[in-house]
Amino acid sequence: MTNDKEEQILEEIRKMNDKLDHITEKQKGLSTPMKFIALLLGFMVLGPLIAILLSFVTPFF
């Protein structure tokens, strides 16, 4: 009887472990090279946009 309970407990622990593994796989995010690419693209897009906006706004001051 205790052996059956131990098997049930082990099975539940394995299920929980699988669920935790599945959750942590989803939360990985971007890899380091992709972060650098996103950073470069951000500077390439946002930098000129901010410069253009500043060039239009500065004559009003």
C-alpha atoms as a PDB file:
ATOM      1  CA  MET A   1       0.000   0.000   0.000  1.00  0.00           C
ATOM      2  CA  THR A   2       2.772   2.459   0.806  1.00  0.00           C
ATOM      3  CA  ASN A   3       4.502   1.476  -2.418  1.00  0.00           C
ATOM      4  CA  ASP A   4       1.373   2.478  -4.361  1.00  0.00           C
ATOM      5  CA  LYS A   5       1.279   5.840  -2.588  1.00  0.00           C
ATOM      6  CA  GLU A   6       4.953   6.408  -3.298  1.00  0.00           C
ATOM      7  CA  GLU A   7       4.376   5.639  -6.982  1.00  0.00           C
ATOM      8  CA  GLN A   8       1.469   8.079  -7.074  1.00  0.00           C
ATOM      9  CA  ILE A   9       3.545  10.766  -5.377  1.00  0.00           C
ATOM     10  CA  LEU A  10       6.421  10.214  -7.790  1.00  0.00           C
ATOM     11  CA  GLU A  11       4.051  10.385 -10.740  1.00  0.00           C
ATOM     12  CA  GLU A  12       2.607  13.697  -9.485  1.00  0.00           C
ATOM     13  CA  ILE A  13       6.105  15.094  -8.978  1.00  0.00           C
ATOM     14  CA  ARG A  14       7.040  14.090 -12.527  1.00  0.00           C
ATOM     15  CA  LYS A  15       3.923  15.826 -13.860  1.00  0.00           C
ATOM     16  CA  MET A  16       4.791  18.990 -11.938  1.00  0.00           C
ATOM     17  CA  ASN A  17       8.359  18.850 -13.218  1.00  0.00           C
ATOM     18  CA  ASP A  18       7.129  18.546 -16.797  1.00  0.00           C
ATOM     19  CA  LYS A  19       4.808  21.514 -16.304  1.00  0.00           C
ATOM     20  CA  LEU A  20       7.642  23.622 -14.865  1.00  0.00           C
ATOM     21  CA  ASP A  21       9.931  22.662 -17.731  1.00  0.00           C
ATOM     22  CA  HIS A  22       7.223  23.644 -20.206  1.00  0.00           C
ATOM     23  CA  ILE A  23       6.729  27.019 -18.492  1.00  0.00           C
ATOM     24  CA  THR A  24      10.447  27.852 -18.429  1.00  0.00           C
ATOM     25  CA  GLU A  25      10.808  26.987 -22.116  1.00  0.00           C
ATOM     26  CA  LYS A  26       8.244  29.629 -23.022  1.00  0.00           C
ATOM     27  CA  GLN A  27      10.007  32.387 -21.058  1.00  0.00           C
ATOM     28  CA  LYS A  28      13.371  32.215 -22.785  1.00  0.00           C
ATOM     29  CA  GLY A  29      13.020  35.419 -24.815  1.00  0.00           C
ATOM     30  CA  LEU A  30      15.474  36.675 -27.408  1.00  0.00           C
ATOM     31  CA  SER A  31      18.945  35.266 -27.810  1.00  0.00           C
ATOM     32  CA  THR A  32      21.955  37.562 -27.422  1.00  0.00           C
ATOM     33  CA  PRO A  33      22.630  38.016 -31.165  1.00  0.00           C
ATOM     34  CA  MET A  34      18.971  38.851 -31.732  1.00  0.00           C
ATOM     35  CA  LYS A  35      19.150  41.454 -28.955  1.00  0.00           C
ATOM     36  CA  PHE A  36      22.105  43.121 -30.694  1.00  0.00           C
ATOM     37  CA  ILE A  37      20.257  43.109 -34.029  1.00  0.00           C
ATOM     38  CA  ALA A  38      17.175  44.631 -32.361  1.00  0.00           C
ATOM     39  CA  LEU A  39      19.358  47.267 -30.719  1.00  0.00           C
ATOM     40  CA  LEU A  40      21.029  48.200 -34.006  1.00  0.00           C
ATOM     41  CA  LEU A  41      17.728  48.366 -35.848  1.00  0.00           C
ATOM     42  CA  GLY A  42      16.320  50.503 -33.059  1.00  0.00           C
ATOM     43  CA  PHE A  43      19.149  53.000 -33.408  1.00  0.00           C
ATOM     44  CA  MET A  44      18.887  52.935 -37.198  1.00  0.00           C
ATOM     45  CA  VAL A  45      15.156  53.672 -37.113  1.00  0.00           C
ATOM     46  CA  LEU A  46      14.624  55.728 -33.969  1.00  0.00           C
ATOM     47  CA  GLY A  47      17.753  57.866 -34.284  1.00  0.00           C
ATOM     48  CA  PRO A  48      16.859  59.418 -37.640  1.00  0.00           C
ATOM     49  CA  LEU A  49      13.216  59.826 -36.609  1.00  0.00           C
ATOM     50  CA  ILE A  50      14.201  61.754 -33.502  1.00  0.00           C
ATOM     51  CA  ALA A  51      16.610  63.892 -35.526  1.00  0.00           C
ATOM     52  CA  ILE A  52      13.886  64.690 -38.055  1.00  0.00           C
ATOM     53  CA  LEU A  53      11.414  65.558 -35.322  1.00  0.00           C
ATOM     54  CA  LEU A  54      13.941  67.791 -33.595  1.00  0.00           C
ATOM     55  CA  SER A  55      14.707  69.598 -36.842  1.00  0.00           C
ATOM     56  CA  PHE A  56      11.023  70.398 -37.268  1.00  0.00           C
ATOM     57  CA  VAL A  57      10.474  71.438 -33.648  1.00  0.00           C
ATOM     58  CA  THR A  58      13.545  73.629 -33.070  1.00  0.00           C
ATOM     59  CA  PRO A  59      12.443  76.529 -35.310  1.00  0.00           C
ATOM     60  CA  PHE A  60       9.483  77.118 -33.006  1.00  0.00           C
ATOM     61  CA  PHE A  61      11.733  77.861 -30.036  1.00  0.00           C
END
